[in-house]
Amino acid sequence: MTRRRRSRQLRTGLAALGLVLLAVTLASTSTTLAAWTDRDYGKATFTAGNVSPPTGLSCLAGVSRFDLTWTLPAGGLARTGYTWVVKPIGALGPSGSGTINNAAATTVRLNGGGILTVGSGTFELRATGPGGWKSTPVTATLNVALGLLTSCSVP
Protein backbone atom coordinates (compact mmCIF):
# COMPACT_ATOMS: atom_id res chain seq x y z
CA MET A 1 0.00 0.00 0.00
CA THR A 2 1.24 3.36 -0.93
CA ARG A 3 1.55 6.25 1.31
CA ARG A 4 -1.05 8.25 -0.62
CA ARG A 5 -3.60 5.50 -0.35
CA ARG A 6 -3.10 5.17 3.42
CA SER A 7 -3.49 8.90 3.80
CA ARG A 8 -6.75 8.83 1.84
CA GLN A 9 -8.08 5.93 3.93
CA LEU A 10 -7.14 7.76 7.12
CA ARG A 11 -8.99 10.91 5.98
CA THR A 12 -12.02 8.88 4.95
CA GLY A 13 -12.02 7.10 8.33
CA LEU A 14 -11.72 10.37 10.23
CA ALA A 15 -14.55 11.90 8.18
CA ALA A 16 -16.76 8.88 8.88
CA LEU A 17 -15.93 9.06 12.59
CA GLY A 18 -16.80 12.79 12.58
CA LEU A 19 -20.15 12.08 10.93
CA VAL A 20 -20.94 9.41 13.52
CA LEU A 21 -20.04 11.79 16.40
CA LEU A 22 -22.15 14.55 14.81
CA ALA A 23 -25.15 12.23 14.49
CA VAL A 24 -24.82 11.09 18.13
CA THR A 25 -24.55 14.69 19.33
CA LEU A 26 -27.58 15.86 17.35
CA ALA A 27 -29.66 12.90 18.48
CA SER A 28 -29.02 13.64 22.19
CA THR A 29 -29.91 17.37 22.05
CA SER A 30 -33.47 18.35 22.86
CA THR A 31 -35.27 21.22 21.25
CA THR A 32 -36.95 24.06 23.09
CA LEU A 33 -39.54 26.68 22.24
CA ALA A 34 -38.03 29.29 24.55
CA ALA A 35 -36.92 32.51 23.00
CA TRP A 36 -35.96 35.84 24.50
CA THR A 37 -36.10 38.04 21.49
CA ASP A 38 -39.23 40.03 22.45
CA ARG A 39 -39.39 42.92 24.91
CA ASP A 40 -42.58 43.30 26.92
CA TYR A 41 -43.57 46.19 29.11
CA GLY A 42 -46.38 46.35 31.64
CA LYS A 43 -48.17 49.10 33.44
CA ALA A 44 -50.49 48.90 36.44
CA THR A 45 -51.92 51.04 39.18
CA PHE A 46 -52.75 49.99 42.70
CA THR A 47 -53.85 51.48 45.98
CA ALA A 48 -52.70 50.45 49.44
CA GLY A 49 -55.47 49.35 51.77
CA ASN A 50 -56.02 50.63 55.28
CA VAL A 51 -57.29 48.75 58.32
CA SER A 52 -59.35 51.31 60.23
CA PRO A 53 -58.95 51.28 64.04
CA PRO A 54 -61.86 50.79 66.44
CA THR A 55 -63.44 54.02 67.68
CA GLY A 56 -65.18 55.11 70.85
CA LEU A 57 -63.16 52.95 73.26
CA SER A 58 -64.58 53.07 76.78
CA CYS A 59 -63.71 51.25 79.98
CA LEU A 60 -65.75 50.23 83.02
CA ALA A 61 -63.81 48.97 86.05
CA GLY A 62 -65.42 46.42 88.35
CA VAL A 63 -64.25 44.29 91.26
CA SER A 64 -61.16 42.53 89.91
CA ARG A 65 -62.12 43.11 86.26
CA PHE A 66 -62.24 45.55 83.36
CA ASP A 67 -64.96 45.69 80.71
CA LEU A 68 -63.71 47.44 77.58
CA THR A 69 -66.12 48.30 74.76
CA TRP A 70 -65.68 50.00 71.40
CA THR A 71 -67.52 50.92 68.24
CA LEU A 72 -66.89 48.97 65.05
CA PRO A 73 -64.49 50.74 62.70
CA ALA A 74 -66.01 52.43 59.66
CA GLY A 75 -64.47 52.08 56.21
CA GLY A 76 -61.13 50.59 55.34
CA LEU A 77 -60.42 46.95 54.58
CA ALA A 78 -62.68 44.20 55.88
CA ARG A 79 -61.74 43.17 59.40
CA THR A 80 -61.23 39.60 60.56
CA GLY A 81 -61.03 40.32 64.29
CA TYR A 82 -59.00 42.14 66.92
CA THR A 83 -55.84 41.72 68.96
CA TRP A 84 -55.23 43.27 72.35
CA VAL A 85 -52.30 43.54 74.72
CA VAL A 86 -51.88 44.94 78.22
CA LYS A 87 -48.36 46.24 78.79
CA PRO A 88 -47.47 46.61 82.48
CA ILE A 89 -46.24 49.92 83.84
CA GLY A 90 -43.86 48.73 86.57
CA ALA A 91 -42.91 45.22 87.64
CA LEU A 92 -46.22 44.16 89.20
CA GLY A 93 -48.70 45.92 86.90
CA PRO A 94 -51.37 44.02 84.94
CA SER A 95 -50.32 42.30 81.72
CA GLY A 96 -51.65 39.90 79.11
CA SER A 97 -52.68 39.59 75.48
CA GLY A 98 -55.32 37.96 73.37
CA THR A 99 -57.03 37.56 70.00
CA ILE A 100 -60.69 38.03 69.19
CA ASN A 101 -61.57 36.12 65.99
CA ASN A 102 -64.88 37.89 65.44
CA ALA A 103 -65.02 41.02 63.28
CA ALA A 104 -68.35 42.02 64.86
CA ALA A 105 -67.08 41.90 68.46
CA THR A 106 -67.33 45.14 70.46
CA THR A 107 -66.31 44.11 73.97
CA VAL A 108 -63.67 42.26 75.96
CA ARG A 109 -63.57 41.49 79.69
CA LEU A 110 -60.18 41.38 81.39
CA ASN A 111 -59.29 39.96 84.78
CA GLY A 112 -57.87 42.47 87.28
CA GLY A 113 -55.05 40.08 88.13
CA GLY A 114 -54.00 38.16 91.19
CA ILE A 115 -53.73 39.38 94.76
CA LEU A 116 -50.16 40.59 94.07
CA THR A 117 -51.14 42.71 91.08
CA VAL A 118 -50.49 46.32 91.99
CA GLY A 119 -49.92 49.11 89.52
CA SER A 120 -50.93 50.24 86.08
CA GLY A 121 -50.91 48.92 82.56
CA THR A 122 -51.67 50.22 79.10
CA PHE A 123 -54.40 48.39 77.15
CA GLU A 124 -53.94 48.50 73.35
CA LEU A 125 -56.62 47.28 70.92
CA ARG A 126 -56.01 46.87 67.18
CA ALA A 127 -58.34 45.75 64.40
CA THR A 128 -56.94 42.92 62.26
CA GLY A 129 -57.49 42.87 58.50
CA PRO A 130 -56.59 40.61 55.57
CA GLY A 131 -53.13 39.08 55.63
CA GLY A 132 -52.77 39.88 59.34
CA TRP A 133 -52.48 43.64 58.74
CA LYS A 134 -53.26 45.63 61.85
CA SER A 135 -54.71 49.07 62.49
CA THR A 136 -53.17 51.72 64.67
CA PRO A 137 -53.98 51.04 68.34
CA VAL A 138 -56.59 52.63 70.56
CA THR A 139 -55.53 52.71 74.22
CA ALA A 140 -56.77 52.82 77.79
CA THR A 141 -54.94 52.89 81.13
CA LEU A 142 -55.79 50.15 83.65
CA ASN A 143 -55.05 50.54 87.38
CA VAL A 144 -55.11 47.69 89.92
CA ALA A 145 -54.61 47.60 93.71
CA LEU A 146 -54.21 44.10 95.19
CA GLY A 147 -56.02 42.53 92.23
CA LEU A 148 -59.44 43.70 93.54
CA LEU A 149 -59.67 47.47 93.40
CA THR A 150 -59.60 48.59 89.78
CA SER A 151 -60.00 51.78 87.81
CA CYS A 152 -59.44 52.69 84.20
CA SER A 153 -59.39 55.68 81.89
CA VAL A 154 -59.38 56.35 78.16
CA PRO A 155 -57.36 59.33 76.93
C-alpha atoms as a PDB file:
ATOM      1  CA  MET A   1       0.000   0.000   0.000  1.00  0.00           C
ATOM      2  CA  THR A   2       1.236   3.359  -0.928  1.00  0.00           C
ATOM      3  CA  ARG A   3       1.546   6.246   1.306  1.00  0.00           C
ATOM      4  CA  ARG A   4      -1.045   8.251  -0.615  1.00  0.00           C
ATOM      5  CA  ARG A   5      -3.598   5.495  -0.345  1.00  0.00           C
ATOM      6  CA  ARG A   6      -3.104   5.174   3.420  1.00  0.00           C
ATOM      7  CA  SER A   7      -3.489   8.904   3.800  1.00  0.00           C
ATOM      8  CA  ARG A   8      -6.752   8.826   1.837  1.00  0.00           C
ATOM      9  CA  GLN A   9      -8.081   5.930   3.933  1.00  0.00           C
ATOM     10  CA  LEU A  10      -7.139   7.759   7.120  1.00  0.00           C
ATOM     11  CA  ARG A  11      -8.987  10.913   5.976  1.00  0.00           C
ATOM     12  CA  THR A  12     -12.022   8.877   4.951  1.00  0.00           C
ATOM     13  CA  GLY A  13     -12.020   7.100   8.330  1.00  0.00           C
ATOM     14  CA  LEU A  14     -11.721  10.371  10.226  1.00  0.00           C
ATOM     15  CA  ALA A  15     -14.550  11.901   8.180  1.00  0.00           C
ATOM     16  CA  ALA A  16     -16.761   8.875   8.876  1.00  0.00           C
ATOM     17  CA  LEU A  17     -15.934   9.064  12.593  1.00  0.00           C
ATOM     18  CA  GLY A  18     -16.799  12.794  12.576  1.00  0.00           C
ATOM     19  CA  LEU A  19     -20.154  12.084  10.929  1.00  0.00           C
ATOM     20  CA  VAL A  20     -20.938   9.409  13.521  1.00  0.00           C
ATOM     21  CA  LEU A  21     -20.039  11.788  16.397  1.00  0.00           C
ATOM     22  CA  LEU A  22     -22.150  14.555  14.814  1.00  0.00           C
ATOM     23  CA  ALA A  23     -25.146  12.229  14.488  1.00  0.00           C
ATOM     24  CA  VAL A  24     -24.821  11.088  18.133  1.00  0.00           C
ATOM     25  CA  THR A  25     -24.551  14.694  19.333  1.00  0.00           C
ATOM     26  CA  LEU A  26     -27.575  15.863  17.352  1.00  0.00           C
ATOM     27  CA  ALA A  27     -29.657  12.899  18.478  1.00  0.00           C
ATOM     28  CA  SER A  28     -29.017  13.637  22.189  1.00  0.00           C
ATOM     29  CA  THR A  29     -29.911  17.371  22.045  1.00  0.00           C
ATOM     30  CA  SER A  30     -33.469  18.346  22.862  1.00  0.00           C
ATOM     31  CA  THR A  31     -35.265  21.219  21.246  1.00  0.00           C
ATOM     32  CA  THR A  32     -36.953  24.064  23.090  1.00  0.00           C
ATOM     33  CA  LEU A  33     -39.543  26.683  22.242  1.00  0.00           C
ATOM     34  CA  ALA A  34     -38.027  29.292  24.552  1.00  0.00           C
ATOM     35  CA  ALA A  35     -36.915  32.512  22.998  1.00  0.00           C
ATOM     36  CA  TRP A  36     -35.957  35.844  24.502  1.00  0.00           C
ATOM     37  CA  THR A  37     -36.104  38.044  21.492  1.00  0.00           C
ATOM     38  CA  ASP A  38     -39.231  40.030  22.449  1.00  0.00           C
ATOM     39  CA  ARG A  39     -39.385  42.919  24.905  1.00  0.00           C
ATOM     40  CA  ASP A  40     -42.576  43.298  26.920  1.00  0.00           C
ATOM     41  CA  TYR A  41     -43.574  46.185  29.114  1.00  0.00           C
ATOM     42  CA  GLY A  42     -46.379  46.348  31.640  1.00  0.00           C
ATOM     43  CA  LYS A  43     -48.173  49.104  33.445  1.00  0.00           C
ATOM     44  CA  ALA A  44     -50.491  48.897  36.444  1.00  0.00           C
ATOM     45  CA  THR A  45     -51.925  51.042  39.183  1.00  0.00           C
ATOM     46  CA  PHE A  46     -52.748  49.986  42.704  1.00  0.00           C
ATOM     47  CA  THR A  47     -53.848  51.480  45.985  1.00  0.00           C
ATOM     48  CA  ALA A  48     -52.696  50.445  49.437  1.00  0.00           C
ATOM     49  CA  GLY A  49     -55.467  49.348  51.767  1.00  0.00           C
ATOM     50  CA  ASN A  50     -56.021  50.628  55.281  1.00  0.00           C
ATOM     51  CA  VAL A  51     -57.292  48.746  58.322  1.00  0.00           C
ATOM     52  CA  SER A  52     -59.350  51.311  60.233  1.00  0.00           C
ATOM     53  CA  PRO A  53     -58.946  51.279  64.039  1.00  0.00           C
ATOM     54  CA  PRO A  54     -61.861  50.785  66.436  1.00  0.00           C
ATOM     55  CA  THR A  55     -63.442  54.015  67.678  1.00  0.00           C
ATOM     56  CA  GLY A  56     -65.178  55.108  70.848  1.00  0.00           C
ATOM     57  CA  LEU A  57     -63.161  52.946  73.263  1.00  0.00           C
ATOM     58  CA  SER A  58     -64.576  53.066  76.781  1.00  0.00           C
ATOM     59  CA  CYS A  59     -63.709  51.248  79.983  1.00  0.00           C
ATOM     60  CA  LEU A  60     -65.750  50.229  83.021  1.00  0.00           C
ATOM     61  CA  ALA A  61     -63.812  48.975  86.047  1.00  0.00           C
ATOM     62  CA  GLY A  62     -65.424  46.424  88.349  1.00  0.00           C
ATOM     63  CA  VAL A  63     -64.252  44.287  91.260  1.00  0.00           C
ATOM     64  CA  SER A  64     -61.159  42.534  89.912  1.00  0.00           C
ATOM     65  CA  ARG A  65     -62.123  43.107  86.260  1.00  0.00           C
ATOM     66  CA  PHE A  66     -62.242  45.555  83.360  1.00  0.00           C
ATOM     67  CA  ASP A  67     -64.958  45.689  80.710  1.00  0.00           C
ATOM     68  CA  LEU A  68     -63.709  47.439  77.581  1.00  0.00           C
ATOM     69  CA  THR A  69     -66.123  48.300  74.760  1.00  0.00           C
ATOM     70  CA  TRP A  70     -65.679  49.998  71.404  1.00  0.00           C
ATOM     71  CA  THR A  71     -67.519  50.924  68.235  1.00  0.00           C
ATOM     72  CA  LEU A  72     -66.891  48.967  65.049  1.00  0.00           C
ATOM     73  CA  PRO A  73     -64.493  50.738  62.698  1.00  0.00           C
ATOM     74  CA  ALA A  74     -66.014  52.429  59.659  1.00  0.00           C
ATOM     75  CA  GLY A  75     -64.470  52.076  56.206  1.00  0.00           C
ATOM     76  CA  GLY A  76     -61.132  50.585  55.345  1.00  0.00           C
ATOM     77  CA  LEU A  77     -60.415  46.949  54.580  1.00  0.00           C
ATOM     78  CA  ALA A  78     -62.681  44.203  55.880  1.00  0.00           C
ATOM     79  CA  ARG A  79     -61.735  43.172  59.397  1.00  0.00           C
ATOM     80  CA  THR A  80     -61.226  39.600  60.557  1.00  0.00           C
ATOM     81  CA  GLY A  81     -61.031  40.319  64.286  1.00  0.00           C
ATOM     82  CA  TYR A  82     -59.003  42.143  66.916  1.00  0.00           C
ATOM     83  CA  THR A  83     -55.839  41.724  68.960  1.00  0.00           C
ATOM     84  CA  TRP A  84     -55.232  43.269  72.352  1.00  0.00           C
ATOM     85  CA  VAL A  85     -52.302  43.539  74.718  1.00  0.00           C
ATOM     86  CA  VAL A  86     -51.879  44.944  78.224  1.00  0.00           C
ATOM     87  CA  LYS A  87     -48.358  46.242  78.795  1.00  0.00           C
ATOM     88  CA  PRO A  88     -47.467  46.614  82.478  1.00  0.00           C
ATOM     89  CA  ILE A  89     -46.241  49.918  83.844  1.00  0.00           C
ATOM     90  CA  GLY A  90     -43.862  48.729  86.573  1.00  0.00           C
ATOM     91  CA  ALA A  91     -42.906  45.218  87.637  1.00  0.00           C
ATOM     92  CA  LEU A  92     -46.220  44.160  89.204  1.00  0.00           C
ATOM     93  CA  GLY A  93     -48.704  45.916  86.898  1.00  0.00           C
ATOM     94  CA  PRO A  94     -51.371  44.024  84.938  1.00  0.00           C
ATOM     95  CA  SER A  95     -50.320  42.297  81.718  1.00  0.00           C
ATOM     96  CA  GLY A  96     -51.647  39.904  79.106  1.00  0.00           C
ATOM     97  CA  SER A  97     -52.676  39.592  75.484  1.00  0.00           C
ATOM     98  CA  GLY A  98     -55.322  37.959  73.365  1.00  0.00           C
ATOM     99  CA  THR A  99     -57.027  37.561  70.002  1.00  0.00           C
ATOM    100  CA  ILE A 100     -60.689  38.026  69.188  1.00  0.00           C
ATOM    101  CA  ASN A 101     -61.566  36.124  65.991  1.00  0.00           C
ATOM    102  CA  ASN A 102     -64.876  37.890  65.441  1.00  0.00           C
ATOM    103  CA  ALA A 103     -65.024  41.022  63.278  1.00  0.00           C
ATOM    104  CA  ALA A 104     -68.353  42.023  64.861  1.00  0.00           C
ATOM    105  CA  ALA A 105     -67.078  41.902  68.459  1.00  0.00           C
ATOM    106  CA  THR A 106     -67.329  45.142  70.457  1.00  0.00           C
ATOM    107  CA  THR A 107     -66.307  44.106  73.971  1.00  0.00           C
ATOM    108  CA  VAL A 108     -63.668  42.263  75.959  1.00  0.00           C
ATOM    109  CA  ARG A 109     -63.568  41.495  79.693  1.00  0.00           C
ATOM    110  CA  LEU A 110     -60.184  41.385  81.387  1.00  0.00           C
ATOM    111  CA  ASN A 111     -59.295  39.962  84.781  1.00  0.00           C
ATOM    112  CA  GLY A 112     -57.873  42.467  87.277  1.00  0.00           C
ATOM    113  CA  GLY A 113     -55.049  40.078  88.128  1.00  0.00           C
ATOM    114  CA  GLY A 114     -53.999  38.162  91.192  1.00  0.00           C
ATOM    115  CA  ILE A 115     -53.726  39.381  94.759  1.00  0.00           C
ATOM    116  CA  LEU A 116     -50.164  40.586  94.071  1.00  0.00           C
ATOM    117  CA  THR A 117     -51.137  42.709  91.076  1.00  0.00           C
ATOM    118  CA  VAL A 118     -50.486  46.319  91.992  1.00  0.00           C
ATOM    119  CA  GLY A 119     -49.917  49.111  89.516  1.00  0.00           C
ATOM    120  CA  SER A 120     -50.935  50.235  86.081  1.00  0.00           C
ATOM    121  CA  GLY A 121     -50.910  48.924  82.565  1.00  0.00           C
ATOM    122  CA  THR A 122     -51.673  50.219  79.097  1.00  0.00           C
ATOM    123  CA  PHE A 123     -54.399  48.394  77.146  1.00  0.00           C
ATOM    124  CA  GLU A 124     -53.938  48.499  73.350  1.00  0.00           C
ATOM    125  CA  LEU A 125     -56.617  47.282  70.916  1.00  0.00           C
ATOM    126  CA  ARG A 126     -56.006  46.867  67.178  1.00  0.00           C
ATOM    127  CA  ALA A 127     -58.345  45.751  64.401  1.00  0.00           C
ATOM    128  CA  THR A 128     -56.940  42.925  62.255  1.00  0.00           C
ATOM    129  CA  GLY A 129     -57.487  42.867  58.496  1.00  0.00           C
ATOM    130  CA  PRO A 130     -56.593  40.607  55.566  1.00  0.00           C
ATOM    131  CA  GLY A 131     -53.132  39.085  55.631  1.00  0.00           C
ATOM    132  CA  GLY A 132     -52.773  39.878  59.336  1.00  0.00           C
ATOM    133  CA  TRP A 133     -52.480  43.638  58.741  1.00  0.00           C
ATOM    134  CA  LYS A 134     -53.262  45.628  61.849  1.00  0.00           C
ATOM    135  CA  SER A 135     -54.711  49.072  62.494  1.00  0.00           C
ATOM    136  CA  THR A 136     -53.172  51.719  64.668  1.00  0.00           C
ATOM    137  CA  PRO A 137     -53.983  51.044  68.340  1.00  0.00           C
ATOM    138  CA  VAL A 138     -56.586  52.634  70.559  1.00  0.00           C
ATOM    139  CA  THR A 139     -55.531  52.709  74.215  1.00  0.00           C
ATOM    140  CA  ALA A 140     -56.769  52.825  77.794  1.00  0.00           C
ATOM    141  CA  THR A 141     -54.944  52.893  81.134  1.00  0.00           C
ATOM    142  CA  LEU A 142     -55.792  50.149  83.653  1.00  0.00           C
ATOM    143  CA  ASN A 143     -55.045  50.544  87.377  1.00  0.00           C
ATOM    144  CA  VAL A 144     -55.110  47.693  89.922  1.00  0.00           C
ATOM    145  CA  ALA A 145     -54.612  47.597  93.705  1.00  0.00           C
ATOM    146  CA  LEU A 146     -54.212  44.103  95.191  1.00  0.00           C
ATOM    147  CA  GLY A 147     -56.023  42.534  92.235  1.00  0.00           C
ATOM    148  CA  LEU A 148     -59.441  43.702  93.539  1.00  0.00           C
ATOM    149  CA  LEU A 149     -59.667  47.467  93.398  1.00  0.00           C
ATOM    150  CA  THR A 150     -59.602  48.585  89.781  1.00  0.00           C
ATOM    151  CA  SER A 151     -60.004  51.779  87.808  1.00  0.00           C
ATOM    152  CA  CYS A 152     -59.443  52.691  84.200  1.00  0.00           C
ATOM    153  CA  SER A 153     -59.385  55.684  81.886  1.00  0.00           C
ATOM    154  CA  VAL A 154     -59.377  56.354  78.160  1.00  0.00           C
ATOM    155  CA  PRO A 155     -57.357  59.328  76.926  1.00  0.00           C
END
